[in-house]
Amino acid sequence: MARVDQQKDRKFISSLARGLSILESFDQAQPSMGIADLAKKTGLSMSTTYRLVYTLRSLGYIIPDSHDSKYTLGPKVLSLGYAVLSSLELREIARPYLLRLSHLAKETVNLAVLDEWKLIYVDRLKTQQIINIKFRYL
């Protein structure tokens, strides 16, 4: 679906979009952030960010980190990703090709899908190579 013009589309719920922007702010480079970090990264006001974090924390999507009033994604976020992955037959269809590629290349192979400008890794076949790169999976 194409991006909507948020200012003109009456069906677009901007508060939901702002809440999702909080969740999308966490990444491998910044897995733990405080309110000020999240406000800066999302461009939202501190008060809006605080209320969104409070709501997301109440629902279990983010949890307090053990460091200085910071937060991290909670396990409940995984349920969203698992619902998507379990409905995809992509892993089953791709598995024979990944096995063959891994065998031919004698290397670890990864299966990823492109989500806008991000890669989401959905499967991996490791080899017994000495050097191994670790990815975070959805």
C-alpha atoms as a PDB file:
ATOM      1  CA  MET A   1       0.000   0.000   0.000  1.00  0.00           C
ATOM      2  CA  ALA A   2       1.324   3.434  -0.892  1.00  0.00           C
ATOM      3  CA  ARG A   3       2.146   5.939   1.798  1.00  0.00           C
ATOM      4  CA  VAL A   4      -0.801   8.142   2.637  1.00  0.00           C
ATOM      5  CA  ASP A   5      -0.753  11.903   2.863  1.00  0.00           C
ATOM      6  CA  GLN A   6      -1.165  11.995   6.614  1.00  0.00           C
ATOM      7  CA  GLN A   7      -2.436  15.556   6.698  1.00  0.00           C
ATOM      8  CA  LYS A   8      -5.296  14.911   4.260  1.00  0.00           C
ATOM      9  CA  ASP A   9      -6.378  11.351   5.022  1.00  0.00           C
ATOM     10  CA  ARG A  10      -9.132  11.328   7.651  1.00  0.00           C
ATOM     11  CA  LYS A  11      -8.769   7.552   8.076  1.00  0.00           C
ATOM     12  CA  PHE A  12      -5.113   7.866   9.149  1.00  0.00           C
ATOM     13  CA  ILE A  13      -4.655   7.646  12.943  1.00  0.00           C
ATOM     14  CA  SER A  14      -1.597   9.738  13.728  1.00  0.00           C
ATOM     15  CA  SER A  15      -1.468   8.721  17.407  1.00  0.00           C
ATOM     16  CA  LEU A  16      -1.103   5.089  16.334  1.00  0.00           C
ATOM     17  CA  ALA A  17       1.644   6.103  13.896  1.00  0.00           C
ATOM     18  CA  ARG A  18       3.444   7.957  16.689  1.00  0.00           C
ATOM     19  CA  GLY A  19       3.246   4.902  18.957  1.00  0.00           C
ATOM     20  CA  LEU A  20       4.633   2.694  16.235  1.00  0.00           C
ATOM     21  CA  SER A  21       7.442   5.196  15.636  1.00  0.00           C
ATOM     22  CA  ILE A  22       8.477   4.630  19.264  1.00  0.00           C
ATOM     23  CA  LEU A  23       8.671   0.866  18.670  1.00  0.00           C
ATOM     24  CA  GLU A  24      10.555   1.345  15.399  1.00  0.00           C
ATOM     25  CA  SER A  25      13.131   3.560  17.126  1.00  0.00           C
ATOM     26  CA  PHE A  26      14.751   0.610  18.876  1.00  0.00           C
ATOM     27  CA  ASP A  27      17.380  -1.147  16.811  1.00  0.00           C
ATOM     28  CA  GLN A  28      20.624  -3.049  17.149  1.00  0.00           C
ATOM     29  CA  ALA A  29      22.605   0.175  17.529  1.00  0.00           C
ATOM     30  CA  GLN A  30      20.253   1.485  20.231  1.00  0.00           C
ATOM     31  CA  PRO A  31      18.436  -1.420  21.913  1.00  0.00           C
ATOM     32  CA  SER A  32      17.881   0.621  25.073  1.00  0.00           C
ATOM     33  CA  MET A  33      16.750   4.270  25.234  1.00  0.00           C
ATOM     34  CA  GLY A  34      15.304   6.763  27.656  1.00  0.00           C
ATOM     35  CA  ILE A  35      12.440   9.190  27.089  1.00  0.00           C
ATOM     36  CA  ALA A  36      14.763  11.974  25.882  1.00  0.00           C
ATOM     37  CA  ASP A  37      16.487   9.625  23.416  1.00  0.00           C
ATOM     38  CA  LEU A  38      13.144   8.449  22.038  1.00  0.00           C
ATOM     39  CA  ALA A  39      11.787  12.000  21.772  1.00  0.00           C
ATOM     40  CA  LYS A  40      14.865  13.101  19.860  1.00  0.00           C
ATOM     41  CA  LYS A  41      14.841  10.080  17.538  1.00  0.00           C
ATOM     42  CA  THR A  42      11.119  10.352  16.735  1.00  0.00           C
ATOM     43  CA  GLY A  43      10.854  14.139  16.714  1.00  0.00           C
ATOM     44  CA  LEU A  44       7.995  13.972  19.227  1.00  0.00           C
ATOM     45  CA  SER A  45       7.654  16.211  22.269  1.00  0.00           C
ATOM     46  CA  MET A  46       8.851  14.874  25.625  1.00  0.00           C
ATOM     47  CA  SER A  47       5.291  14.796  27.017  1.00  0.00           C
ATOM     48  CA  THR A  48       3.918  12.900  24.012  1.00  0.00           C
ATOM     49  CA  THR A  49       6.842  10.487  24.134  1.00  0.00           C
ATOM     50  CA  TYR A  50       6.312   9.928  27.860  1.00  0.00           C
ATOM     51  CA  ARG A  51       2.614   9.134  27.365  1.00  0.00           C
ATOM     52  CA  LEU A  52       3.309   6.786  24.466  1.00  0.00           C
ATOM     53  CA  VAL A  53       6.048   4.992  26.426  1.00  0.00           C
ATOM     54  CA  TYR A  54       3.710   4.698  29.406  1.00  0.00           C
ATOM     55  CA  THR A  55       1.016   3.130  27.209  1.00  0.00           C
ATOM     56  CA  LEU A  56       3.409   0.779  25.407  1.00  0.00           C
ATOM     57  CA  ARG A  57       4.915  -0.241  28.756  1.00  0.00           C
ATOM     58  CA  SER A  58       1.438  -0.866  30.220  1.00  0.00           C
ATOM     59  CA  LEU A  59       0.664  -3.131  27.261  1.00  0.00           C
ATOM     60  CA  GLY A  60       3.996  -4.990  27.534  1.00  0.00           C
ATOM     61  CA  TYR A  61       5.474  -3.878  24.215  1.00  0.00           C
ATOM     62  CA  ILE A  62       8.378  -2.130  25.921  1.00  0.00           C
ATOM     63  CA  ILE A  63       9.880  -2.925  29.306  1.00  0.00           C
ATOM     64  CA  PRO A  64      12.161  -1.052  31.685  1.00  0.00           C
ATOM     65  CA  ASP A  65      15.832  -1.737  31.134  1.00  0.00           C
ATOM     66  CA  SER A  66      18.035  -2.217  34.143  1.00  0.00           C
ATOM     67  CA  HIS A  67      20.009   0.926  33.296  1.00  0.00           C
ATOM     68  CA  ASP A  68      19.050   4.477  34.330  1.00  0.00           C
ATOM     69  CA  SER A  69      15.336   4.811  33.456  1.00  0.00           C
ATOM     70  CA  LYS A  70      15.775   3.372  29.990  1.00  0.00           C
ATOM     71  CA  TYR A  71      13.487   1.057  28.075  1.00  0.00           C
ATOM     72  CA  THR A  72      13.898  -1.793  25.649  1.00  0.00           C
ATOM     73  CA  LEU A  73      11.500  -3.796  23.490  1.00  0.00           C
ATOM     74  CA  GLY A  74       9.551  -6.395  25.426  1.00  0.00           C
ATOM     75  CA  PRO A  75       8.890  -9.990  24.418  1.00  0.00           C
ATOM     76  CA  LYS A  76       5.328  -9.102  23.397  1.00  0.00           C
ATOM     77  CA  VAL A  77       6.738  -7.365  20.300  1.00  0.00           C
ATOM     78  CA  LEU A  78       7.838 -10.785  19.084  1.00  0.00           C
ATOM     79  CA  SER A  79       4.230 -11.931  18.887  1.00  0.00           C
ATOM     80  CA  LEU A  80       3.669  -9.438  16.073  1.00  0.00           C
ATOM     81  CA  GLY A  81       6.621 -10.756  14.104  1.00  0.00           C
ATOM     82  CA  TYR A  82       5.815 -14.401  14.740  1.00  0.00           C
ATOM     83  CA  ALA A  83       2.292 -13.891  13.444  1.00  0.00           C
ATOM     84  CA  VAL A  84       3.719 -12.621  10.164  1.00  0.00           C
ATOM     85  CA  LEU A  85       6.438 -15.251   9.877  1.00  0.00           C
ATOM     86  CA  SER A  86       4.123 -18.137  10.696  1.00  0.00           C
ATOM     87  CA  SER A  87       1.797 -17.096   7.890  1.00  0.00           C
ATOM     88  CA  LEU A  88       4.618 -17.013   5.354  1.00  0.00           C
ATOM     89  CA  GLU A  89       5.412 -20.164   3.481  1.00  0.00           C
ATOM     90  CA  LEU A  90       8.589 -18.427   2.380  1.00  0.00           C
ATOM     91  CA  ARG A  91      10.845 -20.389   4.728  1.00  0.00           C
ATOM     92  CA  GLU A  92       9.469 -23.744   3.588  1.00  0.00           C
ATOM     93  CA  ILE A  93       9.719 -22.836  -0.080  1.00  0.00           C
ATOM     94  CA  ALA A  94      13.215 -21.376   0.226  1.00  0.00           C
ATOM     95  CA  ARG A  95      14.730 -24.071   2.464  1.00  0.00           C
ATOM     96  CA  PRO A  96      15.835 -26.463  -0.351  1.00  0.00           C
ATOM     97  CA  TYR A  97      17.476 -23.569  -2.195  1.00  0.00           C
ATOM     98  CA  LEU A  98      19.231 -22.384   0.960  1.00  0.00           C
ATOM     99  CA  LEU A  99      20.505 -25.912   1.604  1.00  0.00           C
ATOM    100  CA  ARG A 100      21.846 -26.217  -1.925  1.00  0.00           C
ATOM    101  CA  LEU A 101      23.450 -22.775  -1.847  1.00  0.00           C
ATOM    102  CA  SER A 102      25.045 -23.452   1.538  1.00  0.00           C
ATOM    103  CA  HIS A 103      26.381 -26.784   0.289  1.00  0.00           C
ATOM    104  CA  LEU A 104      27.781 -25.297  -2.931  1.00  0.00           C
ATOM    105  CA  ALA A 105      29.296 -22.204  -1.317  1.00  0.00           C
ATOM    106  CA  LYS A 106      30.334 -23.967   1.901  1.00  0.00           C
ATOM    107  CA  GLU A 107      29.227 -20.802   3.698  1.00  0.00           C
ATOM    108  CA  THR A 108      26.442 -19.676   5.989  1.00  0.00           C
ATOM    109  CA  VAL A 109      23.449 -18.455   4.008  1.00  0.00           C
ATOM    110  CA  ASN A 110      20.678 -16.115   5.119  1.00  0.00           C
ATOM    111  CA  LEU A 111      17.162 -15.488   3.896  1.00  0.00           C
ATOM    112  CA  ALA A 112      15.876 -11.955   4.324  1.00  0.00           C
ATOM    113  CA  VAL A 113      12.959  -9.873   3.164  1.00  0.00           C
ATOM    114  CA  LEU A 114      13.159  -6.202   2.352  1.00  0.00           C
ATOM    115  CA  ASP A 115      10.922  -3.931   4.422  1.00  0.00           C
ATOM    116  CA  GLU A 116      11.270  -0.494   2.864  1.00  0.00           C
ATOM    117  CA  TRP A 117      14.997   0.115   3.408  1.00  0.00           C
ATOM    118  CA  LYS A 118      15.562  -2.537   6.119  1.00  0.00           C
ATOM    119  CA  LEU A 119      16.345  -6.219   5.799  1.00  0.00           C
ATOM    120  CA  ILE A 120      14.466  -8.596   8.070  1.00  0.00           C
ATOM    121  CA  TYR A 121      16.225 -11.943   8.441  1.00  0.00           C
ATOM    122  CA  VAL A 122      13.773 -14.833   8.467  1.00  0.00           C
ATOM    123  CA  ASP A 123      16.017 -17.877   8.153  1.00  0.00           C
ATOM    124  CA  ARG A 124      19.645 -18.894   8.377  1.00  0.00           C
ATOM    125  CA  LEU A 125      21.645 -22.017   7.660  1.00  0.00           C
ATOM    126  CA  LYS A 126      24.988 -22.083   9.426  1.00  0.00           C
ATOM    127  CA  THR A 127      28.090 -23.929   8.364  1.00  0.00           C
ATOM    128  CA  GLN A 128      30.864 -25.092  10.645  1.00  0.00           C
ATOM    129  CA  GLN A 129      33.167 -22.246   9.635  1.00  0.00           C
ATOM    130  CA  ILE A 130      35.428 -20.717  12.290  1.00  0.00           C
ATOM    131  CA  ILE A 131      34.240 -17.154  11.648  1.00  0.00           C
ATOM    132  CA  ASN A 132      30.561 -16.609  12.201  1.00  0.00           C
ATOM    133  CA  ILE A 133      28.519 -13.389  12.065  1.00  0.00           C
ATOM    134  CA  LYS A 134      25.550 -13.145  14.430  1.00  0.00           C
ATOM    135  CA  PHE A 135      22.286 -11.537  13.256  1.00  0.00           C
ATOM    136  CA  ARG A 136      19.236 -10.600  15.313  1.00  0.00           C
ATOM    137  CA  TYR A 137      16.111 -12.251  13.978  1.00  0.00           C
ATOM    138  CA  LEU A 138      12.560 -11.041  14.127  1.00  0.00           C
END
